[in-house]
Amino acid sequence: MGYRELIKKVPRPMYEKLSERLLDALLEVNKGENVPASLAKTVLYYAQREQLASDTGLTNLLKALRLADLESAVAILDEFGLKEVKLALMSAE
């Protein structure tokens, strides 16, 4: 299952808070070198336009955080009660 399909399983009312938590966690990660420059630029692009809470913004945030720190991504999804998304993320490529 792709990242976009994962985001479609997230209820829209959660988008804003989830994007904030994912971004905070991504900014705190020490393993930023695991995130390709192109993906980091994409996240920055959506952040500058205040569109991280969009489908595409969340998709890129989740992908970046998974690459940088899977444990943080899983913990945040648990925090939001997104068990199905968490399980799919753990097996995503």
Protein backbone atom coordinates (compact mmCIF):
# COMPACT_ATOMS: atom_id res chain seq x y z
CA MET A 1 0.00 0.00 0.00
CA GLY A 2 1.39 3.38 -0.99
CA TYR A 3 1.67 6.43 1.23
CA ARG A 4 -1.20 8.21 -0.49
CA GLU A 5 -3.50 5.25 0.23
CA LEU A 6 -2.40 5.37 3.87
CA ILE A 7 -3.34 9.03 4.16
CA LYS A 8 -6.76 8.33 2.66
CA LYS A 9 -7.43 6.14 5.73
CA VAL A 10 -6.90 9.13 8.04
CA PRO A 11 -10.09 11.05 8.92
CA ARG A 12 -9.91 14.59 7.49
CA PRO A 13 -10.58 16.28 10.86
CA MET A 14 -7.23 14.83 12.04
CA TYR A 15 -5.18 16.25 9.16
CA GLU A 16 -4.18 19.53 10.83
CA LYS A 17 -3.10 18.10 14.19
CA LEU A 18 -1.47 15.06 12.60
CA SER A 19 0.56 17.22 10.21
CA GLU A 20 1.75 19.35 13.15
CA ARG A 21 2.86 16.29 15.15
CA LEU A 22 4.58 14.70 12.16
CA LEU A 23 6.43 17.92 11.35
CA ASP A 24 7.50 18.42 14.98
CA ALA A 25 8.83 14.88 15.12
CA LEU A 26 10.61 15.25 11.77
CA LEU A 27 12.32 18.45 12.94
CA GLU A 28 13.55 16.69 16.10
CA VAL A 29 15.04 13.69 14.31
CA ASN A 30 18.81 13.31 14.38
CA LYS A 31 18.86 11.01 11.36
CA GLY A 32 17.89 13.55 8.72
CA GLU A 33 20.41 12.08 6.31
CA ASN A 34 17.98 9.21 5.71
CA VAL A 35 15.57 11.63 4.00
CA PRO A 36 16.49 12.31 0.36
CA ALA A 37 17.05 15.99 -0.45
CA SER A 38 14.22 15.93 -2.99
CA LEU A 39 11.74 14.75 -0.33
CA ALA A 40 13.00 17.32 2.19
CA LYS A 41 12.52 20.05 -0.42
CA THR A 42 9.00 18.82 -1.13
CA VAL A 43 8.10 18.95 2.57
CA LEU A 44 9.58 22.45 2.78
CA TYR A 45 7.59 23.49 -0.30
CA TYR A 46 4.31 22.41 1.31
CA ALA A 47 5.28 23.95 4.65
CA GLN A 48 6.00 27.33 3.05
CA ARG A 49 2.57 27.30 1.45
CA GLU A 50 0.86 26.11 4.65
CA GLN A 51 -0.35 22.98 2.87
CA LEU A 52 1.13 20.27 5.08
CA ALA A 53 -2.40 19.35 6.16
CA SER A 54 -3.36 18.49 2.57
CA ASP A 55 -3.37 14.94 1.19
CA THR A 56 -0.06 15.50 -0.58
CA GLY A 57 1.51 17.40 2.30
CA LEU A 58 0.67 14.63 4.78
CA THR A 59 1.79 11.96 2.33
CA ASN A 60 5.22 13.53 2.05
CA LEU A 61 5.50 14.22 5.79
CA LEU A 62 4.67 10.64 6.66
CA LYS A 63 7.11 9.29 4.10
CA ALA A 64 9.90 11.58 5.34
CA LEU A 65 9.33 10.71 8.99
CA ARG A 66 9.19 6.99 8.22
CA LEU A 67 12.57 7.23 6.49
CA ALA A 68 14.07 9.35 9.26
CA ASP A 69 12.57 7.65 12.32
CA LEU A 70 10.05 4.85 11.92
CA GLU A 71 9.57 4.54 15.70
CA SER A 72 8.43 8.16 15.98
CA ALA A 73 6.04 7.77 13.06
CA VAL A 74 4.54 4.64 14.60
CA ALA A 75 4.21 6.30 18.02
CA ILE A 76 2.37 9.28 16.52
CA LEU A 77 -0.02 7.06 14.60
CA ASP A 78 -0.68 5.17 17.84
CA GLU A 79 -1.30 8.45 19.63
CA PHE A 80 -3.96 9.31 17.05
CA GLY A 81 -5.52 5.82 17.21
CA LEU A 82 -4.64 5.05 13.60
CA LYS A 83 -3.84 1.38 14.10
CA GLU A 84 -4.57 0.29 10.52
CA VAL A 85 -2.39 3.06 9.11
CA LYS A 86 0.36 2.19 11.59
CA LEU A 87 0.39 -1.47 10.59
CA ALA A 88 0.44 -0.61 6.90
CA LEU A 89 3.23 1.93 7.43
CA MET A 90 5.39 -0.63 9.17
CA SER A 91 5.21 -2.84 6.08
CA ALA A 92 5.43 -0.01 3.48
CA GLU A 93 8.51 0.38 1.34
